[in-house]
Every structure is written in structure tokens, then in C-alpha cells.
Amino acid sequence: WGVTDVDGILGIGPAITTLGTLRNSPEETIQTVTDLLYSRGIISHPLVGIFFPSTTDTDDDGELSFGETDPAMYIRNIAYTPTTATGPSARYWGIYQSITYGSKEILRFTAGIVDCGSTFLWIASDAYDSYQTATGADWDPATSLLTITLDQYNALQNLDFHIGHNTYSFTRNAQSGLVPSTTRFMVMTVLYIWSLNALENTVAQGLTL
């Protein structure tokens, strides 16, 4: 991973992701850190709270809490949604969702995963193509990102993720970033969601988030 002076990476995914990692007992799973803390009574709930600071926040420190969420880090009630039983997303923190750009649906209701440790948003190829067509963006082979003009940026509509009973919107600022020139904007966002369609077809083309 290009990181030195560390012992490893803390994985907080479901225990099923450890299946097959024990050489002598590949059929067994390993307790996650969260499961272990909960089973020993150190935390009251088997959950992990993750807070990412706003890009406009003067305090750029995030927060990771085990066993509870920190009410100082949010204002509204936290929304919950069921995890999916549809594979392969069911092996991870998989959820159901659909995506619209403006009023156009670009990804039908399907399963995908939420991964807080990744820096990209991946969507199925057909959804990606629909998004590129709707925005008029050009693919940049040097970065594998989409680029748009200033006029196209000003015309961007919300990219909406419909999860459970809630809609989470990426405004035009959330969809863009990195201004390499005065005339082109790099379409870049800050979340990572893998579409089940893309997983099944092993598609590696997506909207960077």
C-alpha cells in the first residue's frame, strides 16, 4: 500500500470476508475487531461510527468510534437501511440503491457496496455511459477521469443516490474537483459505491468519487 512503519490495515468489514484466510481451517471465519470488542462486553453495540469532515470544515480530523455513534458529529437523525442478501455484495456492507441524474434514472434498483476506505465511486458501465452522455463529459485517458467545460459544469444537475427511504444528492460541487486548466474541469467525487452489475461483469470503468 506504499505505507511504512505500520503493522497492517484495520478491516471493519463483516466476518464473512475472512472466510478462507485461515490456511489450516479455510472453512472458518475470524472474529473482526468489532465482533471481538462486542463479545467481550467492551462495547455495548456491534457497530462502528465513521465521520468524515466537510471539505469546508476548518478541522480536518475525522473520527472512528466503536460501539456507538458520536452525536456531536451530526445534527439530523441517522438513517438506517437493510443490508442486501444478494451476492457478491452480501459479502460486504452491501445495500440496495438506485441512481438518478436530474430526472433521469441511470442505474436501476440494485445491490452495491459501501466502502469507507476507498477513494473512488464505481458504477455499472451502462450507468457510467448514461452519466457521461447526460453531462457531455469527455474521458481523459491520462487520468481515466471525465472532464467538462466551465459551461458544462454550470449546467450540472444533482446526481442522486436513492437508498432506503432517503435520497442523498451530489451537487455539482460534489461531482467535480481538480481544475487542471481554466477551461476544463475534472469530474471527480468523494465516495465509493460499486454496482452489482459492474461486479458481476468485472467492469473496471466508473465515475471516480
N, C-alpha and C. Protein backbone atom coordinates (compact mmCIF):
# COMPACT_ATOMS: atom_id res chain seq x y z
N TRP A 1 0.82 -1.21 0.00
CA TRP A 1 0.00 0.00 0.00
C TRP A 1 0.85 1.25 0.00
N GLY A 2 2.17 1.12 0.00
CA GLY A 2 3.03 2.28 0.00
C GLY A 2 3.12 2.97 1.34
N VAL A 3 2.74 2.29 2.41
CA VAL A 3 2.78 2.86 3.75
C VAL A 3 3.81 2.10 4.58
N THR A 4 4.66 2.83 5.28
CA THR A 4 5.70 2.20 6.09
C THR A 4 5.43 2.46 7.57
N ASP A 5 6.14 1.72 8.41
CA ASP A 5 6.07 1.88 9.87
C ASP A 5 4.68 1.62 10.43
N VAL A 6 3.94 0.71 9.82
CA VAL A 6 2.64 0.30 10.35
C VAL A 6 2.59 -1.22 10.34
N ASP A 7 1.72 -1.77 11.18
CA ASP A 7 1.61 -3.22 11.28
C ASP A 7 0.63 -3.82 10.29
N GLY A 8 -0.28 -2.99 9.78
CA GLY A 8 -1.26 -3.50 8.85
C GLY A 8 -2.42 -2.54 8.69
N ILE A 9 -3.48 -3.02 8.09
CA ILE A 9 -4.68 -2.22 7.84
C ILE A 9 -5.82 -2.77 8.68
N LEU A 10 -6.55 -1.90 9.36
CA LEU A 10 -7.68 -2.31 10.17
C LEU A 10 -8.88 -2.54 9.28
N GLY A 11 -9.33 -3.77 9.19
CA GLY A 11 -10.51 -4.09 8.39
C GLY A 11 -11.74 -4.13 9.28
N ILE A 12 -12.80 -3.43 8.89
CA ILE A 12 -14.02 -3.42 9.70
C ILE A 12 -15.21 -3.95 8.91
N GLY A 13 -14.92 -4.76 7.91
CA GLY A 13 -15.99 -5.39 7.14
C GLY A 13 -16.57 -6.57 7.91
N PRO A 14 -17.61 -7.21 7.37
CA PRO A 14 -18.21 -8.38 8.01
C PRO A 14 -17.23 -9.54 8.14
N ALA A 15 -17.50 -10.43 9.09
CA ALA A 15 -16.59 -11.57 9.32
C ALA A 15 -16.52 -12.49 8.11
N ILE A 16 -17.57 -12.52 7.28
CA ILE A 16 -17.59 -13.40 6.11
C ILE A 16 -16.44 -13.09 5.16
N THR A 17 -15.92 -11.88 5.21
CA THR A 17 -14.81 -11.52 4.32
C THR A 17 -13.52 -12.22 4.71
N THR A 18 -13.49 -12.81 5.91
CA THR A 18 -12.27 -13.52 6.35
C THR A 18 -12.30 -14.99 5.98
N LEU A 19 -13.42 -15.44 5.41
CA LEU A 19 -13.55 -16.85 5.05
C LEU A 19 -12.45 -17.25 4.06
N GLY A 20 -11.76 -18.34 4.39
CA GLY A 20 -10.70 -18.83 3.53
C GLY A 20 -9.33 -18.26 3.81
N THR A 21 -9.23 -17.38 4.82
CA THR A 21 -7.93 -16.77 5.11
C THR A 21 -7.11 -17.59 6.10
N LEU A 22 -7.76 -18.50 6.83
CA LEU A 22 -7.01 -19.38 7.73
C LEU A 22 -6.52 -20.59 6.95
N ARG A 23 -5.23 -20.72 6.85
CA ARG A 23 -4.66 -21.76 5.98
C ARG A 23 -5.07 -23.16 6.41
N ASN A 24 -5.08 -23.42 7.71
CA ASN A 24 -5.39 -24.77 8.21
C ASN A 24 -6.89 -24.98 8.42
N SER A 25 -7.68 -23.91 8.42
CA SER A 25 -9.13 -24.02 8.60
C SER A 25 -9.84 -23.05 7.66
N PRO A 26 -9.73 -23.26 6.37
CA PRO A 26 -10.28 -22.30 5.40
C PRO A 26 -11.79 -22.14 5.48
N GLU A 27 -12.48 -23.11 6.13
CA GLU A 27 -13.93 -23.03 6.23
C GLU A 27 -14.38 -22.16 7.41
N GLU A 28 -13.45 -21.70 8.22
CA GLU A 28 -13.79 -20.89 9.39
C GLU A 28 -13.55 -19.41 9.12
N THR A 29 -14.32 -18.58 9.82
CA THR A 29 -14.12 -17.13 9.75
C THR A 29 -13.39 -16.66 11.00
N ILE A 30 -12.90 -15.44 10.96
CA ILE A 30 -12.18 -14.86 12.07
C ILE A 30 -13.00 -13.71 12.64
N GLN A 31 -13.08 -13.62 13.95
CA GLN A 31 -13.79 -12.50 14.56
C GLN A 31 -13.15 -11.18 14.15
N THR A 32 -13.98 -10.25 13.76
CA THR A 32 -13.46 -8.92 13.46
C THR A 32 -13.17 -8.18 14.76
N VAL A 33 -12.48 -7.07 14.65
CA VAL A 33 -12.20 -6.26 15.84
C VAL A 33 -13.49 -5.85 16.52
N THR A 34 -14.48 -5.44 15.72
CA THR A 34 -15.77 -5.02 16.27
C THR A 34 -16.47 -6.17 16.98
N ASP A 35 -16.50 -7.34 16.35
CA ASP A 35 -17.14 -8.51 16.95
C ASP A 35 -16.45 -8.90 18.26
N LEU A 36 -15.13 -8.83 18.26
CA LEU A 36 -14.37 -9.21 19.45
C LEU A 36 -14.65 -8.25 20.61
N LEU A 37 -14.67 -6.95 20.32
CA LEU A 37 -14.96 -5.96 21.35
C LEU A 37 -16.36 -6.17 21.92
N TYR A 38 -17.32 -6.50 21.05
CA TYR A 38 -18.70 -6.69 21.49
C TYR A 38 -18.85 -7.97 22.32
N SER A 39 -18.23 -9.05 21.86
CA SER A 39 -18.35 -10.32 22.58
C SER A 39 -17.71 -10.26 23.96
N ARG A 40 -16.76 -9.39 24.15
CA ARG A 40 -16.10 -9.24 25.46
C ARG A 40 -16.75 -8.17 26.31
N GLY A 41 -17.82 -7.56 25.81
CA GLY A 41 -18.53 -6.58 26.59
C GLY A 41 -17.85 -5.23 26.69
N ILE A 42 -16.87 -5.00 25.84
CA ILE A 42 -16.14 -3.72 25.88
C ILE A 42 -16.97 -2.61 25.23
N ILE A 43 -17.75 -2.96 24.22
CA ILE A 43 -18.66 -2.00 23.60
C ILE A 43 -20.08 -2.54 23.73
N SER A 44 -21.06 -1.64 23.76
CA SER A 44 -22.45 -2.05 24.02
C SER A 44 -23.20 -2.46 22.76
N HIS A 45 -22.74 -2.04 21.61
CA HIS A 45 -23.41 -2.38 20.35
C HIS A 45 -22.36 -2.79 19.31
N PRO A 46 -22.66 -3.77 18.46
CA PRO A 46 -21.70 -4.19 17.44
C PRO A 46 -21.74 -3.28 16.22
N LEU A 47 -21.32 -2.04 16.41
CA LEU A 47 -21.36 -1.09 15.31
C LEU A 47 -20.13 -0.20 15.33
N VAL A 48 -19.90 0.43 14.19
CA VAL A 48 -18.77 1.36 14.03
C VAL A 48 -19.32 2.67 13.49
N GLY A 49 -18.98 3.77 14.12
CA GLY A 49 -19.36 5.08 13.64
C GLY A 49 -18.20 5.74 12.93
N ILE A 50 -18.43 6.23 11.71
CA ILE A 50 -17.37 6.84 10.91
C ILE A 50 -17.80 8.25 10.52
N PHE A 51 -16.97 9.22 10.81
CA PHE A 51 -17.27 10.60 10.48
C PHE A 51 -16.20 11.16 9.57
N PHE A 52 -16.64 11.69 8.42
CA PHE A 52 -15.74 12.37 7.50
C PHE A 52 -16.02 13.87 7.59
N PRO A 53 -15.02 14.68 7.82
CA PRO A 53 -15.26 16.13 7.92
C PRO A 53 -15.60 16.72 6.57
N SER A 54 -16.30 17.83 6.59
CA SER A 54 -16.63 18.55 5.36
C SER A 54 -15.37 19.15 4.76
N THR A 55 -15.38 19.30 3.45
CA THR A 55 -14.23 19.93 2.79
C THR A 55 -14.09 21.39 3.17
N THR A 56 -15.17 21.98 3.70
CA THR A 56 -15.11 23.38 4.13
C THR A 56 -14.88 23.51 5.63
N ASP A 57 -14.72 22.38 6.31
CA ASP A 57 -14.51 22.39 7.76
C ASP A 57 -13.07 22.77 8.06
N THR A 58 -12.89 23.70 9.00
CA THR A 58 -11.52 24.11 9.36
C THR A 58 -10.80 23.02 10.13
N ASP A 59 -11.55 22.13 10.78
CA ASP A 59 -10.97 20.99 11.48
C ASP A 59 -11.08 19.79 10.55
N ASP A 60 -9.95 19.34 10.02
CA ASP A 60 -9.98 18.30 9.01
C ASP A 60 -9.82 16.90 9.58
N ASP A 61 -10.02 16.74 10.89
CA ASP A 61 -9.89 15.44 11.52
C ASP A 61 -11.20 14.67 11.44
N GLY A 62 -11.14 13.44 10.98
CA GLY A 62 -12.30 12.57 11.00
C GLY A 62 -12.36 11.83 12.33
N GLU A 63 -13.32 10.94 12.45
CA GLU A 63 -13.48 10.22 13.71
C GLU A 63 -13.98 8.81 13.46
N LEU A 64 -13.41 7.86 14.19
CA LEU A 64 -13.83 6.46 14.14
C LEU A 64 -14.19 6.05 15.56
N SER A 65 -15.45 5.63 15.76
CA SER A 65 -15.89 5.24 17.10
C SER A 65 -16.46 3.83 17.06
N PHE A 66 -16.15 3.04 18.07
CA PHE A 66 -16.64 1.66 18.15
C PHE A 66 -17.75 1.57 19.19
N GLY A 67 -18.84 0.90 18.84
CA GLY A 67 -19.91 0.65 19.78
C GLY A 67 -20.98 1.70 19.85
N GLU A 68 -20.75 2.85 19.23
CA GLU A 68 -21.72 3.93 19.28
C GLU A 68 -21.38 4.98 18.23
N THR A 69 -22.36 5.82 17.97
CA THR A 69 -22.10 6.99 17.13
C THR A 69 -21.91 8.20 18.03
N ASP A 70 -21.20 9.18 17.54
CA ASP A 70 -20.93 10.38 18.32
C ASP A 70 -21.93 11.46 17.92
N PRO A 71 -22.90 11.78 18.79
CA PRO A 71 -23.93 12.77 18.43
C PRO A 71 -23.37 14.16 18.18
N ALA A 72 -22.14 14.41 18.60
CA ALA A 72 -21.53 15.71 18.35
C ALA A 72 -21.13 15.86 16.90
N MET A 73 -21.13 14.75 16.15
CA MET A 73 -20.68 14.76 14.77
C MET A 73 -21.81 14.88 13.75
N TYR A 74 -23.06 14.89 14.20
CA TYR A 74 -24.17 15.01 13.25
C TYR A 74 -25.33 15.74 13.90
N ILE A 75 -26.23 16.25 13.06
CA ILE A 75 -27.36 17.06 13.54
C ILE A 75 -28.67 16.28 13.39
N ARG A 76 -28.95 15.76 12.21
CA ARG A 76 -30.19 15.04 11.98
C ARG A 76 -30.09 13.60 12.48
N ASN A 77 -31.24 12.92 12.48
CA ASN A 77 -31.24 11.51 12.87
C ASN A 77 -30.51 10.67 11.82
N ILE A 78 -29.82 9.66 12.28
CA ILE A 78 -29.12 8.76 11.36
C ILE A 78 -30.15 7.85 10.69
N ALA A 79 -30.02 7.69 9.39
CA ALA A 79 -30.92 6.82 8.63
C ALA A 79 -30.28 5.45 8.46
N TYR A 80 -31.06 4.42 8.67
CA TYR A 80 -30.57 3.05 8.54
C TYR A 80 -31.26 2.39 7.35
N THR A 81 -30.57 1.45 6.73
CA THR A 81 -31.13 0.70 5.62
C THR A 81 -30.68 -0.75 5.74
N PRO A 82 -31.49 -1.72 5.34
CA PRO A 82 -31.11 -3.13 5.46
C PRO A 82 -29.92 -3.46 4.57
N THR A 83 -29.14 -4.44 4.98
CA THR A 83 -28.08 -4.94 4.13
C THR A 83 -28.67 -5.94 3.15
N THR A 84 -27.99 -6.11 2.04
CA THR A 84 -28.50 -6.97 0.98
C THR A 84 -28.12 -8.44 1.20
N ALA A 85 -28.96 -9.32 0.70
CA ALA A 85 -28.65 -10.74 0.70
C ALA A 85 -28.22 -11.19 -0.69
N THR A 86 -28.10 -10.24 -1.60
CA THR A 86 -27.72 -10.53 -2.99
C THR A 86 -26.21 -10.57 -3.13
N GLY A 87 -25.67 -11.68 -3.61
CA GLY A 87 -24.24 -11.80 -3.80
C GLY A 87 -23.82 -11.17 -5.11
N PRO A 88 -22.53 -10.76 -5.21
CA PRO A 88 -21.50 -10.86 -4.18
C PRO A 88 -21.51 -9.71 -3.17
N SER A 89 -22.41 -8.75 -3.33
CA SER A 89 -22.43 -7.61 -2.41
C SER A 89 -22.71 -8.03 -0.97
N ALA A 90 -23.39 -9.16 -0.78
CA ALA A 90 -23.74 -9.62 0.56
C ALA A 90 -22.52 -9.97 1.39
N ARG A 91 -21.38 -10.17 0.75
CA ARG A 91 -20.15 -10.48 1.49
C ARG A 91 -19.56 -9.23 2.15
N TYR A 92 -20.06 -8.08 1.79
CA TYR A 92 -19.51 -6.82 2.29
C TYR A 92 -20.64 -6.02 2.96
N TRP A 93 -20.45 -4.73 3.16
CA TRP A 93 -21.54 -3.90 3.63
C TRP A 93 -22.37 -3.52 2.42
N GLY A 94 -23.18 -4.49 1.98
CA GLY A 94 -23.96 -4.32 0.77
C GLY A 94 -25.32 -3.74 1.05
N ILE A 95 -25.77 -2.85 0.18
CA ILE A 95 -27.08 -2.21 0.30
C ILE A 95 -27.75 -2.16 -1.07
N TYR A 96 -29.05 -1.85 -1.07
CA TYR A 96 -29.77 -1.63 -2.31
C TYR A 96 -29.88 -0.13 -2.57
N GLN A 97 -29.83 0.24 -3.85
CA GLN A 97 -29.93 1.65 -4.21
C GLN A 97 -30.27 1.78 -5.68
N SER A 98 -30.69 2.96 -6.07
CA SER A 98 -30.81 3.34 -7.47
C SER A 98 -30.20 4.73 -7.60
N ILE A 99 -29.87 5.13 -8.83
CA ILE A 99 -29.21 6.42 -9.06
C ILE A 99 -29.94 7.17 -10.16
N THR A 100 -30.17 8.45 -9.93
CA THR A 100 -30.72 9.31 -10.98
C THR A 100 -29.80 10.51 -11.18
N TYR A 101 -29.75 10.98 -12.41
CA TYR A 101 -29.06 12.23 -12.72
C TYR A 101 -30.13 13.20 -13.20
N GLY A 102 -30.38 14.24 -12.42
CA GLY A 102 -31.52 15.10 -12.70
C GLY A 102 -32.79 14.27 -12.54
N SER A 103 -33.60 14.20 -13.57
CA SER A 103 -34.83 13.40 -13.52
C SER A 103 -34.67 12.05 -14.21
N LYS A 104 -33.48 11.77 -14.73
CA LYS A 104 -33.25 10.54 -15.50
C LYS A 104 -32.63 9.45 -14.62
N GLU A 105 -33.25 8.29 -14.61
CA GLU A 105 -32.67 7.15 -13.89
C GLU A 105 -31.52 6.57 -14.72
N ILE A 106 -30.34 6.51 -14.11
CA ILE A 106 -29.19 5.95 -14.82
C ILE A 106 -28.77 4.60 -14.26
N LEU A 107 -29.25 4.25 -13.07
CA LEU A 107 -28.98 2.93 -12.51
C LEU A 107 -30.25 2.45 -11.82
N ARG A 108 -30.78 1.34 -12.29
CA ARG A 108 -31.99 0.79 -11.69
C ARG A 108 -31.68 0.27 -10.28
N PHE A 109 -32.73 -0.01 -9.54
CA PHE A 109 -32.62 -0.51 -8.17
C PHE A 109 -31.83 -1.81 -8.17
N THR A 110 -30.69 -1.82 -7.48
CA THR A 110 -29.82 -2.99 -7.48
C THR A 110 -28.93 -2.96 -6.25
N ALA A 111 -28.13 -3.97 -6.10
CA ALA A 111 -27.26 -4.08 -4.92
C ALA A 111 -25.88 -3.54 -5.22
N GLY A 112 -25.25 -2.98 -4.21
CA GLY A 112 -23.88 -2.49 -4.31
C GLY A 112 -23.27 -2.45 -2.92
N ILE A 113 -22.06 -1.99 -2.81
CA ILE A 113 -21.39 -1.97 -1.51
C ILE A 113 -20.94 -0.57 -1.12
N VAL A 114 -20.83 -0.35 0.18
CA VAL A 114 -20.30 0.89 0.73
C VAL A 114 -18.94 0.57 1.33
N ASP A 115 -17.93 1.31 0.93
CA ASP A 115 -16.56 1.06 1.38
C ASP A 115 -15.94 2.39 1.77
N CYS A 116 -15.77 2.62 3.07
CA CYS A 116 -15.26 3.91 3.53
C CYS A 116 -13.76 4.06 3.33
N GLY A 117 -13.07 2.98 2.96
CA GLY A 117 -11.63 3.06 2.81
C GLY A 117 -11.17 3.29 1.38
N SER A 118 -12.10 3.52 0.48
CA SER A 118 -11.75 3.71 -0.93
C SER A 118 -12.01 5.15 -1.35
N THR A 119 -11.34 5.56 -2.39
CA THR A 119 -11.43 6.95 -2.83
C THR A 119 -12.20 7.12 -4.14
N PHE A 120 -12.79 6.04 -4.64
CA PHE A 120 -13.48 6.12 -5.91
C PHE A 120 -14.93 5.69 -5.79
N LEU A 121 -15.74 6.25 -6.63
CA LEU A 121 -17.12 5.79 -6.82
C LEU A 121 -17.16 5.00 -8.12
N TRP A 122 -17.59 3.75 -8.05
CA TRP A 122 -17.70 2.94 -9.26
C TRP A 122 -19.17 2.64 -9.51
N ILE A 123 -19.63 2.83 -10.72
CA ILE A 123 -20.99 2.48 -11.09
C ILE A 123 -20.94 1.63 -12.35
N ALA A 124 -22.02 0.90 -12.57
CA ALA A 124 -22.07 0.00 -13.72
C ALA A 124 -21.81 0.76 -15.02
N SER A 125 -21.26 0.05 -16.01
CA SER A 125 -20.86 0.69 -17.26
C SER A 125 -22.00 1.41 -17.96
N ASP A 126 -23.21 0.80 -17.93
CA ASP A 126 -24.34 1.46 -18.61
C ASP A 126 -24.72 2.74 -17.89
N ALA A 127 -24.63 2.74 -16.55
CA ALA A 127 -24.92 3.96 -15.78
C ALA A 127 -23.84 5.01 -16.03
N TYR A 128 -22.61 4.56 -16.10
CA TYR A 128 -21.49 5.45 -16.38
C TYR A 128 -21.66 6.12 -17.75
N ASP A 129 -22.02 5.31 -18.74
CA ASP A 129 -22.21 5.85 -20.09
C ASP A 129 -23.36 6.85 -20.12
N SER A 130 -24.44 6.55 -19.39
CA SER A 130 -25.58 7.47 -19.35
C SER A 130 -25.19 8.79 -18.69
N TYR A 131 -24.39 8.70 -17.63
CA TYR A 131 -23.93 9.91 -16.94
C TYR A 131 -23.04 10.75 -17.84
N GLN A 132 -22.12 10.09 -18.54
CA GLN A 132 -21.22 10.81 -19.44
C GLN A 132 -22.01 11.49 -20.57
N THR A 133 -22.99 10.79 -21.11
CA THR A 133 -23.80 11.37 -22.18
C THR A 133 -24.61 12.56 -21.67
N ALA A 134 -25.19 12.41 -20.48
CA ALA A 134 -26.04 13.47 -19.94
C ALA A 134 -25.25 14.73 -19.61
N THR A 135 -24.01 14.56 -19.18
CA THR A 135 -23.18 15.72 -18.80
C THR A 135 -22.39 16.27 -19.97
N GLY A 136 -22.25 15.47 -21.05
CA GLY A 136 -21.43 15.88 -22.18
C GLY A 136 -19.95 15.81 -21.90
N ALA A 137 -19.57 15.05 -20.88
CA ALA A 137 -18.16 14.97 -20.47
C ALA A 137 -17.33 14.16 -21.45
N ASP A 138 -16.04 14.46 -21.48
CA ASP A 138 -15.07 13.71 -22.27
C ASP A 138 -14.19 12.89 -21.34
N TRP A 139 -13.85 11.68 -21.78
CA TRP A 139 -12.96 10.83 -21.00
C TRP A 139 -11.52 11.23 -21.23
N ASP A 140 -10.76 11.40 -20.14
CA ASP A 140 -9.36 11.78 -20.22
C ASP A 140 -8.49 10.55 -20.02
N PRO A 141 -7.82 10.06 -21.06
CA PRO A 141 -7.04 8.82 -20.94
C PRO A 141 -5.85 8.94 -19.99
N ALA A 142 -5.39 10.15 -19.74
CA ALA A 142 -4.24 10.33 -18.85
C ALA A 142 -4.60 10.06 -17.40
N THR A 143 -5.85 10.35 -17.01
CA THR A 143 -6.26 10.19 -15.62
C THR A 143 -7.40 9.18 -15.44
N SER A 144 -8.00 8.76 -16.54
CA SER A 144 -9.19 7.90 -16.52
C SER A 144 -10.38 8.58 -15.85
N LEU A 145 -10.36 9.90 -15.80
CA LEU A 145 -11.47 10.68 -15.26
C LEU A 145 -12.21 11.37 -16.40
N LEU A 146 -13.37 11.91 -16.08
CA LEU A 146 -14.13 12.68 -17.06
C LEU A 146 -13.81 14.15 -16.92
N THR A 147 -13.77 14.86 -18.02
CA THR A 147 -13.56 16.31 -17.99
C THR A 147 -14.75 17.01 -18.59
N ILE A 148 -15.05 18.18 -18.07
CA ILE A 148 -16.15 19.00 -18.59
C ILE A 148 -15.69 20.44 -18.69
N THR A 149 -16.37 21.18 -19.54
CA THR A 149 -16.06 22.60 -19.68
C THR A 149 -16.74 23.38 -18.55
N LEU A 150 -16.39 24.65 -18.46
CA LEU A 150 -17.00 25.50 -17.44
C LEU A 150 -18.51 25.61 -17.68
N ASP A 151 -18.93 25.73 -18.93
CA ASP A 151 -20.36 25.80 -19.23
C ASP A 151 -21.06 24.51 -18.83
N GLN A 152 -20.41 23.37 -19.08
CA GLN A 152 -20.99 22.09 -18.69
C GLN A 152 -21.06 21.96 -17.17
N TYR A 153 -20.06 22.48 -16.51
CA TYR A 153 -20.06 22.47 -15.04
C TYR A 153 -21.26 23.26 -14.51
N ASN A 154 -21.48 24.43 -15.07
CA ASN A 154 -22.59 25.28 -14.62
C ASN A 154 -23.95 24.63 -14.89
N ALA A 155 -23.98 23.70 -15.84
CA ALA A 155 -25.25 23.03 -16.20
C ALA A 155 -25.44 21.71 -15.47
N LEU A 156 -24.48 21.31 -14.64
CA LEU A 156 -24.59 20.02 -13.95
C LEU A 156 -25.84 19.98 -13.07
N GLN A 157 -26.52 18.85 -13.09
CA GLN A 157 -27.65 18.60 -12.22
C GLN A 157 -27.22 17.67 -11.09
N ASN A 158 -28.08 17.51 -10.11
CA ASN A 158 -27.75 16.63 -8.98
C ASN A 158 -27.63 15.18 -9.43
N LEU A 159 -26.66 14.50 -8.86
CA LEU A 159 -26.53 13.06 -9.01
C LEU A 159 -27.07 12.47 -7.71
N ASP A 160 -28.23 11.81 -7.78
CA ASP A 160 -28.96 11.40 -6.59
C ASP A 160 -28.87 9.89 -6.37
N PHE A 161 -28.53 9.52 -5.14
CA PHE A 161 -28.47 8.12 -4.74
C PHE A 161 -29.69 7.85 -3.84
N HIS A 162 -30.55 6.94 -4.27
CA HIS A 162 -31.78 6.63 -3.55
C HIS A 162 -31.55 5.35 -2.75
N ILE A 163 -31.44 5.51 -1.44
CA ILE A 163 -31.13 4.40 -0.54
C ILE A 163 -32.18 4.36 0.55
N GLY A 164 -32.90 3.24 0.65
CA GLY A 164 -33.97 3.15 1.62
C GLY A 164 -35.04 4.18 1.30
N HIS A 165 -35.44 4.95 2.30
CA HIS A 165 -36.45 5.99 2.11
C HIS A 165 -35.83 7.36 1.90
N ASN A 166 -34.53 7.41 1.68
CA ASN A 166 -33.84 8.68 1.61
C ASN A 166 -33.12 8.85 0.28
N THR A 167 -32.91 10.12 -0.08
CA THR A 167 -32.14 10.47 -1.27
C THR A 167 -30.94 11.29 -0.86
N TYR A 168 -29.77 10.89 -1.31
CA TYR A 168 -28.52 11.58 -0.99
C TYR A 168 -27.97 12.19 -2.28
N SER A 169 -27.87 13.50 -2.30
CA SER A 169 -27.56 14.21 -3.53
C SER A 169 -26.10 14.64 -3.60
N PHE A 170 -25.51 14.41 -4.76
CA PHE A 170 -24.23 15.00 -5.09
C PHE A 170 -24.52 16.25 -5.93
N THR A 171 -24.31 17.41 -5.35
CA THR A 171 -24.46 18.64 -6.11
C THR A 171 -23.33 18.73 -7.12
N ARG A 172 -23.33 19.77 -7.92
CA ARG A 172 -22.28 19.89 -8.94
C ARG A 172 -20.90 20.00 -8.30
N ASN A 173 -20.82 20.64 -7.13
CA ASN A 173 -19.52 20.73 -6.46
C ASN A 173 -19.03 19.36 -6.00
N ALA A 174 -19.98 18.51 -5.58
CA ALA A 174 -19.61 17.16 -5.13
C ALA A 174 -19.19 16.28 -6.29
N GLN A 175 -19.64 16.61 -7.49
CA GLN A 175 -19.29 15.81 -8.66
C GLN A 175 -18.00 16.27 -9.31
N SER A 176 -17.46 17.40 -8.90
CA SER A 176 -16.31 17.95 -9.60
C SER A 176 -15.19 18.28 -8.63
N GLY A 177 -14.04 18.53 -9.20
CA GLY A 177 -12.87 18.89 -8.41
C GLY A 177 -11.67 18.95 -9.33
N LEU A 178 -10.52 19.24 -8.81
CA LEU A 178 -9.28 19.26 -9.59
C LEU A 178 -9.45 20.06 -10.88
N VAL A 179 -9.11 21.31 -10.86
CA VAL A 179 -9.22 22.14 -12.05
C VAL A 179 -7.85 22.22 -12.71
N PRO A 180 -7.57 21.37 -13.71
CA PRO A 180 -6.25 21.33 -14.33
C PRO A 180 -5.98 22.49 -15.28
N SER A 181 -7.04 23.17 -15.70
CA SER A 181 -6.85 24.32 -16.59
C SER A 181 -8.00 25.28 -16.35
N THR A 182 -7.98 26.40 -17.02
CA THR A 182 -9.04 27.39 -16.82
C THR A 182 -10.29 27.07 -17.63
N THR A 183 -10.20 26.10 -18.52
CA THR A 183 -11.34 25.82 -19.40
C THR A 183 -11.95 24.44 -19.17
N ARG A 184 -11.24 23.54 -18.49
CA ARG A 184 -11.77 22.19 -18.28
C ARG A 184 -11.83 21.91 -16.78
N PHE A 185 -12.86 21.22 -16.38
CA PHE A 185 -12.98 20.76 -15.01
C PHE A 185 -12.84 19.24 -15.00
N MET A 186 -12.20 18.71 -13.97
CA MET A 186 -12.10 17.28 -13.84
C MET A 186 -13.28 16.79 -13.01
N VAL A 187 -14.05 15.87 -13.54
CA VAL A 187 -15.17 15.32 -12.80
C VAL A 187 -14.62 14.32 -11.79
N MET A 188 -14.68 14.66 -10.54
CA MET A 188 -14.14 13.80 -9.51
C MET A 188 -14.98 13.95 -8.25
N THR A 189 -15.29 12.87 -7.60
CA THR A 189 -16.13 12.94 -6.42
C THR A 189 -15.47 12.23 -5.24
N VAL A 190 -16.18 12.01 -4.16
CA VAL A 190 -15.52 11.60 -2.92
C VAL A 190 -16.08 10.37 -2.22
N LEU A 191 -16.91 9.59 -2.87
CA LEU A 191 -17.44 8.38 -2.25
C LEU A 191 -17.13 7.18 -3.12
N TYR A 192 -17.47 6.02 -2.62
CA TYR A 192 -17.18 4.81 -3.39
C TYR A 192 -18.35 3.84 -3.25
N ILE A 193 -19.05 3.58 -4.33
CA ILE A 193 -20.13 2.60 -4.34
C ILE A 193 -19.98 1.75 -5.58
N TRP A 194 -19.93 0.44 -5.39
CA TRP A 194 -19.77 -0.48 -6.51
C TRP A 194 -21.11 -1.04 -6.89
N SER A 195 -21.46 -0.96 -8.14
CA SER A 195 -22.71 -1.55 -8.60
C SER A 195 -22.56 -3.05 -8.74
N LEU A 196 -23.59 -3.77 -8.39
CA LEU A 196 -23.57 -5.22 -8.56
C LEU A 196 -23.37 -5.59 -10.01
N ASN A 197 -23.96 -4.84 -10.91
CA ASN A 197 -23.78 -5.11 -12.34
C ASN A 197 -22.31 -5.07 -12.72
N ALA A 198 -21.62 -4.07 -12.19
CA ALA A 198 -20.20 -3.91 -12.52
C ALA A 198 -19.40 -5.05 -11.91
N LEU A 199 -19.79 -5.47 -10.71
CA LEU A 199 -19.07 -6.56 -10.06
C LEU A 199 -19.24 -7.86 -10.84
N GLU A 200 -20.47 -8.13 -11.26
CA GLU A 200 -20.73 -9.37 -11.96
C GLU A 200 -20.01 -9.44 -13.29
N ASN A 201 -19.88 -8.28 -13.93
CA ASN A 201 -19.23 -8.25 -15.24
C ASN A 201 -17.77 -7.86 -15.14
N THR A 202 -17.27 -7.76 -13.90
CA THR A 202 -15.90 -7.36 -13.63
C THR A 202 -15.51 -6.12 -14.43
N VAL A 203 -16.41 -5.13 -14.42
CA VAL A 203 -16.16 -3.89 -15.13
C VAL A 203 -15.34 -2.96 -14.27
N ALA A 204 -14.30 -2.39 -14.79
CA ALA A 204 -13.43 -1.51 -14.02
C ALA A 204 -13.53 -0.07 -14.49
N GLN A 205 -14.65 0.27 -15.10
CA GLN A 205 -14.85 1.63 -15.60
C GLN A 205 -15.91 2.28 -14.75
N GLY A 206 -15.63 3.45 -14.20
CA GLY A 206 -16.63 4.06 -13.33
C GLY A 206 -16.43 5.54 -13.17
N LEU A 207 -17.29 6.12 -12.40
CA LEU A 207 -17.19 7.54 -12.06
C LEU A 207 -16.35 7.67 -10.80
N THR A 208 -15.23 8.35 -10.90
CA THR A 208 -14.35 8.47 -9.76
C THR A 208 -14.96 9.36 -8.70
N LEU A 209 -14.88 8.93 -7.46
CA LEU A 209 -15.54 9.65 -6.39
C LEU A 209 -14.58 9.95 -5.26
